[in-house]
Protein backbone atom coordinates (compact mmCIF):
# COMPACT_ATOMS: atom_id res chain seq x y z
CA MET A 1 -35.82 -32.79 31.71
CA PRO A 2 -33.91 -34.87 29.10
CA LEU A 3 -31.09 -33.05 27.35
CA ASN A 4 -32.38 -33.90 23.88
CA VAL A 5 -35.78 -32.28 24.42
CA LYS A 6 -36.14 -29.10 22.35
CA ILE A 7 -37.37 -26.09 24.31
CA PRO A 8 -39.65 -23.83 22.22
CA GLY A 9 -37.87 -20.64 21.15
CA LYS A 10 -34.43 -21.91 22.21
CA PRO A 11 -31.99 -23.38 19.62
CA MET A 12 -30.48 -26.78 20.22
CA PRO A 13 -26.66 -27.15 20.37
CA SER A 14 -26.75 -29.03 17.06
CA ASP A 15 -28.58 -26.06 15.47
CA LEU A 16 -25.85 -23.70 16.68
CA VAL A 17 -23.16 -25.97 15.22
CA ASN A 18 -24.99 -26.11 11.88
CA GLN A 19 -25.42 -22.34 11.81
CA SER A 20 -21.76 -21.68 12.61
CA GLY A 21 -20.70 -24.23 10.01
CA SER A 22 -22.92 -22.73 7.32
CA SER A 23 -21.73 -19.18 8.13
CA TYR A 24 -18.11 -20.37 7.92
CA TRP A 25 -18.62 -21.94 4.51
CA SER A 26 -20.57 -18.95 3.23
CA ALA A 27 -17.78 -16.61 4.34
CA LEU A 28 -15.21 -18.87 2.69
CA LYS A 29 -17.28 -18.93 -0.50
CA VAL A 30 -17.50 -15.13 -0.55
CA PHE A 31 -13.73 -14.89 -0.04
CA PHE A 32 -12.92 -17.17 -2.97
CA GLU A 33 -15.46 -15.39 -5.15
CA GLU A 34 -13.78 -12.06 -4.36
CA VAL A 35 -10.36 -13.52 -5.15
CA ALA A 36 -11.67 -14.89 -8.47
CA ASP A 37 -13.27 -11.55 -9.39
CA LEU A 38 -10.09 -9.65 -8.47
CA THR A 39 -8.05 -12.06 -10.60
CA LYS A 40 -10.34 -11.49 -13.60
CA PHE A 41 -10.15 -7.76 -12.95
CA SER A 42 -6.33 -7.87 -13.02
CA PHE A 43 -6.31 -9.94 -16.23
CA ARG A 44 -8.60 -7.37 -17.82
CA PHE A 45 -6.16 -4.64 -16.77
CA PHE A 46 -3.19 -6.37 -18.43
CA LYS A 47 -5.27 -6.85 -21.58
CA GLU A 48 -6.41 -3.23 -21.71
CA VAL A 49 -3.06 -1.66 -20.81
CA ILE A 50 -1.36 -2.92 -24.00
CA ARG A 51 -4.29 -2.24 -26.31
CA PRO A 52 -4.47 1.14 -28.12
CA ARG A 53 -5.72 3.84 -27.66
CA TYR A 54 -3.37 4.96 -24.88
CA GLU A 55 -4.52 7.62 -22.43
CA PHE A 56 -1.13 9.31 -21.86
CA ASN A 57 -2.63 12.66 -20.84
CA GLU A 58 -4.86 11.03 -18.24
CA VAL A 59 -1.93 8.99 -16.89
CA ILE A 60 0.08 12.19 -16.46
CA ARG A 61 -2.86 13.93 -14.78
CA GLN A 62 -3.40 11.02 -12.40
CA SER A 63 0.33 10.87 -11.65
CA TYR A 64 0.16 14.52 -10.67
CA LEU A 65 -2.92 14.01 -8.49
CA ILE A 66 -1.67 10.77 -6.95
CA GLY A 67 2.06 11.41 -6.67
CA TYR A 68 2.61 15.15 -6.41
CA LYS A 69 -0.38 15.74 -4.14
CA SER A 70 0.80 12.94 -1.82
CA PHE A 71 4.34 14.28 -1.50
CA PRO A 72 3.74 16.73 1.42
CA LEU A 73 2.27 13.99 3.62
CA VAL A 74 5.01 11.55 2.63
CA ALA A 75 7.71 14.17 3.25
CA VAL A 76 6.46 15.01 6.75
CA THR A 77 6.15 11.33 7.64
CA ALA A 78 9.65 10.57 6.31
CA PHE A 79 11.21 13.46 8.22
CA ILE A 80 9.63 12.38 11.50
CA MET A 81 10.49 8.72 10.84
CA GLY A 82 14.21 9.42 10.43
CA LEU A 83 14.25 11.76 13.42
CA VAL A 84 12.46 9.39 15.79
CA LEU A 85 14.37 6.29 14.68
CA THR A 86 17.70 8.01 15.26
CA ILE A 87 16.77 9.44 18.65
CA GLN A 88 15.37 6.10 19.84
CA SER A 89 18.35 4.06 18.59
CA ARG A 90 21.13 6.23 19.99
CA PRO A 91 20.83 5.31 23.73
CA THR A 92 21.11 1.59 22.95
CA LEU A 93 24.23 2.09 20.83
CA VAL A 94 25.77 4.38 23.46
CA GLU A 95 25.53 1.57 26.05
CA PHE A 96 27.80 -0.57 23.85
CA GLY A 97 30.03 2.31 22.79
CA ALA A 98 28.88 1.95 19.20
CA GLN A 99 27.29 5.35 18.57
CA SER A 100 29.57 5.78 15.58
CA TRP A 101 27.52 3.06 13.87
CA LEU A 102 24.33 5.09 14.23
CA PRO A 103 24.27 6.60 10.68
CA ALA A 104 24.95 3.22 9.07
CA MET A 105 22.36 1.35 11.17
CA VAL A 106 19.59 3.87 10.57
CA THR A 107 20.43 4.05 6.86
CA VAL A 108 20.16 0.29 6.37
CA SER A 109 16.89 0.17 8.33
CA ILE A 110 15.31 2.97 6.33
CA VAL A 111 16.51 1.95 2.87
CA ARG A 112 15.80 -1.76 3.21
CA GLU A 113 12.47 -1.81 5.02
CA LEU A 114 11.07 1.18 6.88
CA GLY A 115 11.14 3.66 4.02
CA PRO A 116 9.33 1.51 1.44
CA ALA A 117 6.87 -0.06 3.91
CA ILE A 118 5.79 3.07 5.80
CA THR A 119 5.60 5.19 2.65
CA ALA A 120 3.49 2.52 0.95
CA LEU A 121 1.13 2.36 3.94
CA ILE A 122 0.72 6.15 3.92
CA PHE A 123 0.16 5.92 0.18
CA ALA A 124 -2.48 3.21 0.61
CA GLY A 125 -4.32 5.24 3.22
CA LYS A 126 -4.44 8.47 1.24
CA VAL A 127 -4.54 7.35 -2.38
CA GLY A 128 -6.38 4.05 -1.90
CA SER A 129 -9.28 5.61 -0.05
CA GLY A 130 -9.46 8.46 -2.58
CA ILE A 131 -9.57 6.18 -5.62
CA GLY A 132 -12.07 3.80 -4.02
CA ALA A 133 -14.43 6.60 -3.01
CA GLU A 134 -14.10 8.44 -6.32
CA LEU A 135 -14.87 5.44 -8.52
CA ALA A 136 -17.64 4.26 -6.20
CA SER A 137 -19.32 7.66 -6.33
CA MET A 138 -19.05 7.62 -10.13
CA LYS A 139 -20.65 4.19 -10.10
CA VAL A 140 -23.49 5.34 -7.83
CA THR A 141 -24.23 8.45 -9.91
CA GLU A 142 -24.13 6.32 -13.11
CA GLN A 143 -21.27 8.33 -14.63
CA ILE A 144 -19.55 5.09 -15.64
CA ASP A 145 -22.69 3.93 -17.46
CA ALA A 146 -22.88 7.30 -19.21
CA MET A 147 -19.28 6.89 -20.43
CA GLU A 148 -20.12 3.47 -21.88
CA VAL A 149 -23.16 4.90 -23.69
CA SER A 150 -21.08 7.73 -25.16
CA GLY A 151 -18.57 5.25 -26.62
CA ILE A 152 -15.75 5.74 -24.09
CA ASN A 153 -14.09 2.72 -22.52
CA PRO A 154 -14.49 3.56 -18.80
CA PHE A 155 -12.24 0.72 -17.68
CA LYS A 156 -9.33 2.01 -19.75
CA TYR A 157 -9.92 5.66 -18.90
CA LEU A 158 -10.64 5.26 -15.19
CA VAL A 159 -8.97 2.05 -14.04
CA VAL A 160 -5.93 1.53 -16.27
CA THR A 161 -4.71 5.10 -15.92
CA ARG A 162 -4.97 5.05 -12.13
CA ILE A 163 -3.23 1.71 -11.72
CA VAL A 164 -0.39 2.79 -14.03
CA ALA A 165 -0.08 6.05 -12.09
CA THR A 166 0.10 4.34 -8.69
CA THR A 167 2.63 1.82 -10.01
CA LEU A 168 4.94 4.54 -11.34
CA THR A 169 4.60 7.21 -8.66
CA LEU A 170 5.08 5.13 -5.50
CA PRO A 171 8.74 4.20 -6.28
CA ALA A 172 9.51 7.89 -6.87
CA LEU A 173 7.86 8.79 -3.57
CA VAL A 174 9.85 6.11 -1.76
CA ILE A 175 13.16 7.42 -3.15
CA MET A 176 12.30 10.96 -2.03
CA SER A 177 11.09 9.63 1.31
CA ASP A 178 14.40 7.82 1.90
CA THR A 179 16.34 10.97 1.04
CA ILE A 180 14.33 13.11 3.46
CA SER A 181 14.63 10.48 6.19
CA LEU A 182 18.41 10.40 5.84
CA TYR A 183 18.57 14.18 6.04
CA SER A 184 16.47 14.17 9.22
CA THR A 185 18.79 11.46 10.55
CA TYR A 186 21.72 13.83 10.01
CA ILE A 187 19.87 16.50 12.00
CA ALA A 188 19.07 14.06 14.82
CA VAL A 189 22.68 12.84 15.04
CA ASN A 190 23.90 16.42 15.41
CA MET A 191 21.54 17.03 18.32
CA LYS A 192 23.85 15.04 20.63
CA ASP A 193 27.06 14.67 18.62
CA THR A 194 28.87 16.71 16.03
CA ILE A 195 29.45 15.25 12.60
CA SER A 196 30.04 17.01 9.31
CA PHE A 197 27.63 16.68 6.42
CA HIS A 198 30.34 15.15 4.23
CA LEU A 199 31.40 12.55 6.83
CA PHE A 200 27.81 11.60 7.61
CA PHE A 201 26.86 10.85 4.03
CA LEU A 202 30.18 9.14 3.44
CA GLN A 203 29.20 6.66 6.18
CA VAL A 204 25.71 6.43 4.71
CA PHE A 205 26.87 5.43 1.24
CA GLN A 206 29.50 3.05 2.61
CA SER A 207 26.85 1.19 4.61
CA ILE A 208 24.49 0.43 1.73
CA ASP A 209 25.09 -1.64 -1.35
CA PHE A 210 23.37 -2.11 -4.68
CA SER A 211 21.83 -5.32 -3.29
CA ASP A 212 20.13 -3.18 -0.63
CA LEU A 213 18.72 -0.61 -3.03
CA LEU A 214 17.50 -2.79 -5.89
CA PRO A 215 15.10 -5.10 -3.98
CA SER A 216 13.67 -2.22 -1.95
CA ILE A 217 12.90 -0.23 -5.12
CA ILE A 218 11.57 -3.18 -7.13
CA LYS A 219 9.05 -4.19 -4.47
CA THR A 220 7.62 -0.65 -4.40
CA PHE A 221 6.36 -1.17 -7.97
CA PHE A 222 4.37 -4.15 -6.70
CA PHE A 223 3.18 -2.10 -3.70
CA GLY A 224 1.88 0.63 -6.01
CA PHE A 225 0.28 -1.87 -8.38
CA SER A 226 -1.53 -3.71 -5.58
CA VAL A 227 -2.82 -0.49 -4.01
CA GLY A 228 -4.09 0.79 -7.36
CA LEU A 229 -5.60 -2.55 -8.38
CA ILE A 230 -7.48 -3.15 -5.13
CA SER A 231 -8.69 0.45 -4.88
CA CYS A 232 -9.96 0.50 -8.45
CA TYR A 233 -11.57 -2.92 -8.05
CA GLU A 234 -13.46 -1.91 -4.90
CA GLY A 235 -14.62 1.39 -6.37
CA TYR A 236 -15.43 0.15 -9.88
CA ASN A 237 -17.51 -2.77 -8.59
CA SER A 238 -19.34 -0.91 -5.84
CA ASN A 239 -23.05 -1.73 -6.01
CA LYS A 240 -24.62 -0.75 -2.68
CA GLY A 241 -25.64 2.83 -3.40
CA THR A 242 -24.28 5.68 -1.32
CA GLU A 243 -23.40 3.25 1.46
CA GLY A 244 -21.04 1.52 -0.96
CA VAL A 245 -18.92 4.67 -1.34
CA GLY A 246 -17.75 4.54 2.26
CA MET A 247 -17.43 0.75 2.15
CA ALA A 248 -15.29 0.94 -1.00
CA ALA A 249 -12.94 3.51 0.54
CA ASN A 250 -12.64 1.55 3.78
CA THR A 251 -12.12 -1.81 2.08
CA ALA A 252 -9.56 -0.34 -0.32
CA VAL A 253 -7.41 0.88 2.57
CA ILE A 254 -7.72 -2.34 4.57
CA PHE A 255 -6.93 -4.80 1.78
CA GLY A 256 -4.42 -2.45 0.16
CA SER A 257 -2.44 -2.26 3.42
CA LEU A 258 -2.75 -6.02 3.90
CA SER A 259 -1.43 -6.65 0.38
CA ILE A 260 1.60 -4.47 1.16
CA PHE A 261 2.50 -6.66 4.15
CA ILE A 262 2.03 -9.85 2.14
CA ILE A 263 4.13 -8.62 -0.79
CA ASP A 264 6.79 -7.36 1.61
CA MET A 265 6.97 -10.75 3.33
CA ILE A 266 7.36 -12.51 -0.02
CA ALA A 267 9.98 -10.01 -1.17
CA VAL A 268 12.03 -10.47 2.00
CA GLN A 269 11.97 -14.26 1.57
CA ILE A 270 13.05 -14.02 -2.07
CA THR A 271 15.81 -11.53 -1.25
CA SER A 272 17.16 -13.73 1.55
CA LEU A 273 17.28 -16.72 -0.81
CA ILE A 274 19.10 -14.78 -3.53
CA THR A 275 21.62 -13.10 -1.25
């Protein structure tokens, strides 16, 4: 049978190529449309955030719900992170007779990269999914439409306050996370060696510089902003009924975590060029 004869019910190779090509372009089109919508959403945020009336009370309430309620999970994660990193790093340093460098090495690793990145990922998983699901459920139950009818600006009350809260609370959580990690590092060091509290933190503060602290704190503001922006965008624009609630929470965590890695990569490149 000739190869170019079409068998009934069986697609030709050219049909498969056309289908794969069309699905590729449709997926690419959807991606760029999402990027364009997210960009418009962020521009609307910057416009609304500087326009009165300011919802200070709601910002404080969201900061409490987002920051304070996330602290126990962040604290436990930070304590385990410092403990595990110290225990895992010690045997390698002992082989080279450099175990005295253990506090300094762990401190630089935590302050520069691990503390901000891991805390931001925990933050994206807990807070991002919560915001996405909450706003999506409000969208499904038409609470957002009811706010518009009653004369309340739902974007300012729901979106702006949450993005501001995530932007401000994540740096504070990262600072506390670094502190707890360093304390757990002190405990881990004393499991095998003996070092005084004063000497340990003297080595800690001698190993880090202002150029280590400033970039790691500045990028956490962008981490918090991206997590809040993406979570609010996914929840506020959910339009698939009750199914969209789970999809909004899931998508908020995925793209929020991905944005953290992208911002972190850019921040590392910028820091390396400056220093």
